[in-house]
PDB file of N, CA and C in Angstrom:
ATOM      1  N   MET A   1     -13.457  -4.104  -0.794  1.00  0.00           N
ATOM      2  CA  MET A   1     -14.026  -2.789  -0.930  1.00  0.00           C
ATOM      3  C   MET A   1     -15.522  -2.937  -1.158  1.00  0.00           C
ATOM      4  N   VAL A   2     -16.227  -1.944  -0.722  1.00  0.00           N
ATOM      5  CA  VAL A   2     -17.668  -1.974  -0.867  1.00  0.00           C
ATOM      6  C   VAL A   2     -18.091  -1.473  -2.239  1.00  0.00           C
ATOM      7  N   ASP A   3     -17.397  -0.488  -2.747  1.00  0.00           N
ATOM      8  CA  ASP A   3     -17.792   0.082  -4.040  1.00  0.00           C
ATOM      9  C   ASP A   3     -16.573   0.605  -4.793  1.00  0.00           C
ATOM     10  N   SER A   4     -16.810   1.054  -6.007  1.00  0.00           N
ATOM     11  CA  SER A   4     -15.713   1.528  -6.850  1.00  0.00           C
ATOM     12  C   SER A   4     -15.065   2.804  -6.303  1.00  0.00           C
ATOM     13  N   GLY A   5     -15.812   3.599  -5.534  1.00  0.00           N
ATOM     14  CA  GLY A   5     -15.239   4.803  -4.924  1.00  0.00           C
ATOM     15  C   GLY A   5     -14.158   4.458  -3.910  1.00  0.00           C
ATOM     16  N   GLN A   6     -14.430   3.453  -3.074  1.00  0.00           N
ATOM     17  CA  GLN A   6     -13.426   3.013  -2.104  1.00  0.00           C
ATOM     18  C   GLN A   6     -12.224   2.392  -2.811  1.00  0.00           C
ATOM     19  N   LEU A   7     -12.485   1.626  -3.851  1.00  0.00           N
ATOM     20  CA  LEU A   7     -11.396   1.024  -4.624  1.00  0.00           C
ATOM     21  C   LEU A   7     -10.483   2.103  -5.193  1.00  0.00           C
ATOM     22  N   ALA A   8     -11.064   3.180  -5.712  1.00  0.00           N
ATOM     23  CA  ALA A   8     -10.276   4.283  -6.267  1.00  0.00           C
ATOM     24  C   ALA A   8      -9.432   4.955  -5.185  1.00  0.00           C
ATOM     25  N   LYS A   9      -9.985   5.094  -3.960  1.00  0.00           N
ATOM     26  CA  LYS A   9      -9.223   5.709  -2.867  1.00  0.00           C
ATOM     27  C   LYS A   9      -8.009   4.868  -2.494  1.00  0.00           C
ATOM     28  N   ILE A  10      -8.178   3.559  -2.423  1.00  0.00           N
ATOM     29  CA  ILE A  10      -7.059   2.676  -2.089  1.00  0.00           C
ATOM     30  C   ILE A  10      -6.012   2.703  -3.198  1.00  0.00           C
ATOM     31  N   GLN A  11      -6.456   2.671  -4.452  1.00  0.00           N
ATOM     32  CA  GLN A  11      -5.517   2.729  -5.576  1.00  0.00           C
ATOM     33  C   GLN A  11      -4.712   4.024  -5.522  1.00  0.00           C
ATOM     34  N   GLU A  12      -5.370   5.141  -5.233  1.00  0.00           N
ATOM     35  CA  GLU A  12      -4.680   6.426  -5.135  1.00  0.00           C
ATOM     36  C   GLU A  12      -3.677   6.423  -3.977  1.00  0.00           C
ATOM     37  N   LEU A  13      -4.059   5.844  -2.855  1.00  0.00           N
ATOM     38  CA  LEU A  13      -3.175   5.768  -1.694  1.00  0.00           C
ATOM     39  C   LEU A  13      -1.914   4.967  -2.016  1.00  0.00           C
ATOM     40  N   VAL A  14      -2.080   3.846  -2.680  1.00  0.00           N
ATOM     41  CA  VAL A  14      -0.924   3.026  -3.065  1.00  0.00           C
ATOM     42  C   VAL A  14      -0.065   3.784  -4.080  1.00  0.00           C
ATOM     43  N   ASP A  15      -0.684   4.395  -5.068  1.00  0.00           N
ATOM     44  CA  ASP A  15       0.071   5.148  -6.081  1.00  0.00           C
ATOM     45  C   ASP A  15       0.864   6.290  -5.449  1.00  0.00           C
ATOM     46  N   ARG A  16       0.238   7.020  -4.507  1.00  0.00           N
ATOM     47  CA  ARG A  16       0.940   8.120  -3.825  1.00  0.00           C
ATOM     48  C   ARG A  16       2.090   7.591  -2.978  1.00  0.00           C
ATOM     49  N   SER A  17       1.895   6.442  -2.352  1.00  0.00           N
ATOM     50  CA  SER A  17       2.955   5.840  -1.543  1.00  0.00           C
ATOM     51  C   SER A  17       4.138   5.448  -2.405  1.00  0.00           C
ATOM     52  N   LEU A  18       3.868   4.865  -3.562  1.00  0.00           N
ATOM     53  CA  LEU A  18       4.947   4.495  -4.478  1.00  0.00           C
ATOM     54  C   LEU A  18       5.674   5.739  -4.994  1.00  0.00           C
ATOM     55  N   ALA A  19       4.930   6.786  -5.292  1.00  0.00           N
ATOM     56  CA  ALA A  19       5.544   8.033  -5.763  1.00  0.00           C
ATOM     57  C   ALA A  19       6.412   8.667  -4.681  1.00  0.00           C
ATOM     58  N   ALA A  20       6.074   8.407  -3.398  1.00  0.00           N
ATOM     59  CA  ALA A  20       6.832   8.973  -2.279  1.00  0.00           C
ATOM     60  C   ALA A  20       8.044   8.130  -1.909  1.00  0.00           C
ATOM     61  N   GLY A  21       8.257   7.020  -2.618  1.00  0.00           N
ATOM     62  CA  GLY A  21       9.468   6.234  -2.386  1.00  0.00           C
ATOM     63  C   GLY A  21       9.281   4.818  -1.908  1.00  0.00           C
ATOM     64  N   ALA A  22       8.051   4.406  -1.637  1.00  0.00           N
ATOM     65  CA  ALA A  22       7.824   3.014  -1.237  1.00  0.00           C
ATOM     66  C   ALA A  22       8.110   2.105  -2.426  1.00  0.00           C
ATOM     67  N   ARG A  23       8.442   0.858  -2.127  1.00  0.00           N
ATOM     68  CA  ARG A  23       8.722  -0.121  -3.177  1.00  0.00           C
ATOM     69  C   ARG A  23       7.666  -1.214  -3.106  1.00  0.00           C
ATOM     70  N   LEU A  24       7.093  -1.548  -4.248  1.00  0.00           N
ATOM     71  CA  LEU A  24       6.055  -2.567  -4.317  1.00  0.00           C
ATOM     72  C   LEU A  24       6.677  -3.954  -4.252  1.00  0.00           C
ATOM     73  N   MET A  25       6.241  -4.740  -3.262  1.00  0.00           N
ATOM     74  CA  MET A  25       6.726  -6.110  -3.122  1.00  0.00           C
ATOM     75  C   MET A  25       5.730  -7.095  -3.732  1.00  0.00           C
ATOM     76  N   GLN A  26       4.450  -6.800  -3.542  1.00  0.00           N
ATOM     77  CA  GLN A  26       3.410  -7.694  -4.042  1.00  0.00           C
ATOM     78  C   GLN A  26       2.094  -6.944  -4.086  1.00  0.00           C
ATOM     79  N   GLY A  27       1.252  -7.274  -5.059  1.00  0.00           N
ATOM     80  CA  GLY A  27      -0.093  -6.714  -5.108  1.00  0.00           C
ATOM     81  C   GLY A  27      -0.240  -5.573  -6.080  1.00  0.00           C
ATOM     82  N   ARG A  28      -1.084  -4.624  -5.712  1.00  0.00           N
ATOM     83  CA  ARG A  28      -1.447  -3.418  -6.458  1.00  0.00           C
ATOM     84  C   ARG A  28      -2.458  -3.685  -7.563  1.00  0.00           C
ATOM     85  N   ASP A  29      -2.929  -4.906  -7.675  1.00  0.00           N
ATOM     86  CA  ASP A  29      -3.936  -5.164  -8.698  1.00  0.00           C
ATOM     87  C   ASP A  29      -5.288  -5.396  -8.035  1.00  0.00           C
ATOM     88  N   HIS A  30      -6.309  -5.370  -8.828  1.00  0.00           N
ATOM     89  CA  HIS A  30      -7.648  -5.535  -8.277  1.00  0.00           C
ATOM     90  C   HIS A  30      -8.552  -6.222  -9.282  1.00  0.00           C
ATOM     91  N   CYS A  31      -9.539  -6.847  -8.756  1.00  0.00           N
ATOM     92  CA  CYS A  31     -10.626  -7.445  -9.524  1.00  0.00           C
ATOM     93  C   CYS A  31     -11.879  -6.857  -8.907  1.00  0.00           C
ATOM     94  N   ARG A  32     -12.437  -5.874  -9.540  1.00  0.00           N
ATOM     95  CA  ARG A  32     -13.517  -5.075  -8.959  1.00  0.00           C
ATOM     96  C   ARG A  32     -14.525  -5.923  -8.224  1.00  0.00           C
ATOM     97  N   PRO A  33     -14.931  -5.527  -7.032  1.00  0.00           N
ATOM     98  CA  PRO A  33     -14.473  -4.379  -6.260  1.00  0.00           C
ATOM     99  C   PRO A  33     -13.412  -4.755  -5.227  1.00  0.00           C
ATOM    100  N   PHE A  34     -12.650  -5.795  -5.458  1.00  0.00           N
ATOM    101  CA  PHE A  34     -11.684  -6.272  -4.475  1.00  0.00           C
ATOM    102  C   PHE A  34     -10.266  -5.835  -4.835  1.00  0.00           C
ATOM    103  N   PHE A  35      -9.582  -5.213  -3.871  1.00  0.00           N
ATOM    104  CA  PHE A  35      -8.178  -4.825  -4.026  1.00  0.00           C
ATOM    105  C   PHE A  35      -7.355  -5.913  -3.352  1.00  0.00           C
ATOM    106  N   ARG A  36      -6.553  -6.603  -4.113  1.00  0.00           N
ATOM    107  CA  ARG A  36      -5.803  -7.728  -3.566  1.00  0.00           C
ATOM    108  C   ARG A  36      -4.790  -7.252  -2.525  1.00  0.00           C
ATOM    109  N   PRO A  37      -4.417  -8.128  -1.577  1.00  0.00           N
ATOM    110  CA  PRO A  37      -3.428  -7.743  -0.562  1.00  0.00           C
ATOM    111  C   PRO A  37      -2.168  -7.167  -1.210  1.00  0.00           C
ATOM    112  N   THR A  38      -1.693  -6.079  -0.647  1.00  0.00           N
ATOM    113  CA  THR A  38      -0.567  -5.348  -1.204  1.00  0.00           C
ATOM    114  C   THR A  38       0.482  -5.129  -0.124  1.00  0.00           C
ATOM    115  N   VAL A  39       1.737  -5.373  -0.473  1.00  0.00           N
ATOM    116  CA  VAL A  39       2.842  -5.193   0.463  1.00  0.00           C
ATOM    117  C   VAL A  39       3.794  -4.153  -0.111  1.00  0.00           C
ATOM    118  N   LEU A  40       4.080  -3.122   0.685  1.00  0.00           N
ATOM    119  CA  LEU A  40       5.022  -2.080   0.299  1.00  0.00           C
ATOM    120  C   LEU A  40       6.239  -2.165   1.207  1.00  0.00           C
ATOM    121  N   ALA A  41       7.418  -1.959   0.643  1.00  0.00           N
ATOM    122  CA  ALA A  41       8.666  -1.986   1.415  1.00  0.00           C
ATOM    123  C   ALA A  41       9.352  -0.631   1.300  1.00  0.00           C
ATOM    124  N   ASP A  42      10.421  -0.473   2.063  1.00  0.00           N
ATOM    125  CA  ASP A  42      11.219   0.768   2.064  1.00  0.00           C
ATOM    126  C   ASP A  42      10.357   1.983   2.408  1.00  0.00           C
ATOM    127  N   CYS A  43       9.471   1.800   3.385  1.00  0.00           N
ATOM    128  CA  CYS A  43       8.583   2.883   3.800  1.00  0.00           C
ATOM    129  C   CYS A  43       9.246   3.720   4.891  1.00  0.00           C
ATOM    130  N   HIS A  44       8.896   4.966   4.930  1.00  0.00           N
ATOM    131  CA  HIS A  44       9.356   5.874   5.967  1.00  0.00           C
ATOM    132  C   HIS A  44       8.132   6.625   6.481  1.00  0.00           C
ATOM    133  N   PRO A  45       8.232   7.371   7.562  1.00  0.00           N
ATOM    134  CA  PRO A  45       7.049   8.026   8.137  1.00  0.00           C
ATOM    135  C   PRO A  45       6.280   8.935   7.176  1.00  0.00           C
ATOM    136  N   GLY A  46       6.884   9.396   6.104  1.00  0.00           N
ATOM    137  CA  GLY A  46       6.183  10.252   5.160  1.00  0.00           C
ATOM    138  C   GLY A  46       5.368   9.506   4.118  1.00  0.00           C
ATOM    139  N   ILE A  47       5.430   8.198   4.122  1.00  0.00           N
ATOM    140  CA  ILE A  47       4.680   7.401   3.148  1.00  0.00           C
ATOM    141  C   ILE A  47       3.195   7.451   3.505  1.00  0.00           C
ATOM    142  N   PRO A  48       2.336   7.862   2.559  1.00  0.00           N
ATOM    143  CA  PRO A  48       0.914   8.046   2.869  1.00  0.00           C
ATOM    144  C   PRO A  48       0.201   6.810   3.420  1.00  0.00           C
ATOM    145  N   SER A  49       0.568   5.638   2.997  1.00  0.00           N
ATOM    146  CA  SER A  49      -0.174   4.447   3.414  1.00  0.00           C
ATOM    147  C   SER A  49       0.332   3.814   4.702  1.00  0.00           C
ATOM    148  N   LEU A  50       1.336   4.407   5.310  1.00  0.00           N
ATOM    149  CA  LEU A  50       1.926   3.802   6.502  1.00  0.00           C
ATOM    150  C   LEU A  50       0.950   3.877   7.676  1.00  0.00           C
ATOM    151  N   ARG A  51       0.490   2.733   8.115  1.00  0.00           N
ATOM    152  CA  ARG A  51      -0.425   2.663   9.254  1.00  0.00           C
ATOM    153  C   ARG A  51       0.148   1.787  10.348  1.00  0.00           C
ATOM    154  N   ARG A  52       0.628   0.612   9.973  1.00  0.00           N
ATOM    155  CA  ARG A  52       1.274  -0.298  10.916  1.00  0.00           C
ATOM    156  C   ARG A  52       2.609  -0.669  10.323  1.00  0.00           C
ATOM    157  N   VAL A  53       3.567  -0.884  11.180  1.00  0.00           N
ATOM    158  CA  VAL A  53       4.894  -1.227  10.699  1.00  0.00           C
ATOM    159  C   VAL A  53       5.320  -2.526  11.347  1.00  0.00           C
ATOM    160  N   SER A  54       5.826  -3.446  10.534  1.00  0.00           N
ATOM    161  CA  SER A  54       6.481  -4.631  11.073  1.00  0.00           C
ATOM    162  C   SER A  54       7.900  -4.615  10.529  1.00  0.00           C
ATOM    163  N   VAL A  55       8.831  -4.931  11.373  1.00  0.00           N
ATOM    164  CA  VAL A  55      10.236  -4.876  10.954  1.00  0.00           C
ATOM    165  C   VAL A  55      10.720  -6.317  10.785  1.00  0.00           C
ATOM    166  N   ARG A  56      11.240  -6.605   9.607  1.00  0.00           N
ATOM    167  CA  ARG A  56      11.810  -7.911   9.304  1.00  0.00           C
ATOM    168  C   ARG A  56      13.152  -7.697   8.636  1.00  0.00           C
ATOM    169  N   ALA A  57      14.135  -8.358   9.148  1.00  0.00           N
ATOM    170  CA  ALA A  57      15.490  -8.301   8.576  1.00  0.00           C
ATOM    171  C   ALA A  57      15.929  -6.859   8.349  1.00  0.00           C
ATOM    172  N   GLY A  58      15.589  -5.980   9.296  1.00  0.00           N
ATOM    173  CA  GLY A  58      16.052  -4.596   9.226  1.00  0.00           C
ATOM    174  C   GLY A  58      15.290  -3.712   8.279  1.00  0.00           C
ATOM    175  N   ARG A  59      14.166  -4.178   7.750  1.00  0.00           N
ATOM    176  CA  ARG A  59      13.387  -3.348   6.817  1.00  0.00           C
ATOM    177  C   ARG A  59      12.027  -3.047   7.409  1.00  0.00           C
ATOM    178  N   MET A  60      11.521  -1.869   7.086  1.00  0.00           N
ATOM    179  CA  MET A  60      10.164  -1.516   7.505  1.00  0.00           C
ATOM    180  C   MET A  60       9.219  -1.880   6.370  1.00  0.00           C
ATOM    181  N   ARG A  61       8.080  -2.426   6.724  1.00  0.00           N
ATOM    182  CA  ARG A  61       7.060  -2.750   5.735  1.00  0.00           C
ATOM    183  C   ARG A  61       5.734  -2.181   6.193  1.00  0.00           C
ATOM    184  N   ALA A  62       5.014  -1.562   5.282  1.00  0.00           N
ATOM    185  CA  ALA A  62       3.707  -0.990   5.622  1.00  0.00           C
ATOM    186  C   ALA A  62       2.633  -2.008   5.338  1.00  0.00           C
ATOM    187  N   ALA A  63       1.678  -2.091   6.211  1.00  0.00           N
ATOM    188  CA  ALA A  63       0.521  -2.950   6.010  1.00  0.00           C
ATOM    189  C   ALA A  63      -0.722  -2.112   6.205  1.00  0.00           C
ATOM    190  N   PHE A  64      -1.650  -2.267   5.332  1.00  0.00           N
ATOM    191  CA  PHE A  64      -2.901  -1.529   5.471  1.00  0.00           C
ATOM    192  C   PHE A  64      -4.051  -2.352   4.969  1.00  0.00           C
TER     193      PHE A  64
END
């Protein structure tokens, strides 16, 4: 991230995705201003952070 404003936007996006039903597999932490790689599972089209989908073992995973 370039600044704390962008970091806050990514944190909000991940939080909203989790509230919408995504499951956290790894990540969600940060060391300002870097947001560590984060993997969400059990995503569906309504998950806010869903941008690309890779399917492994029958599960959808969001990557952003």
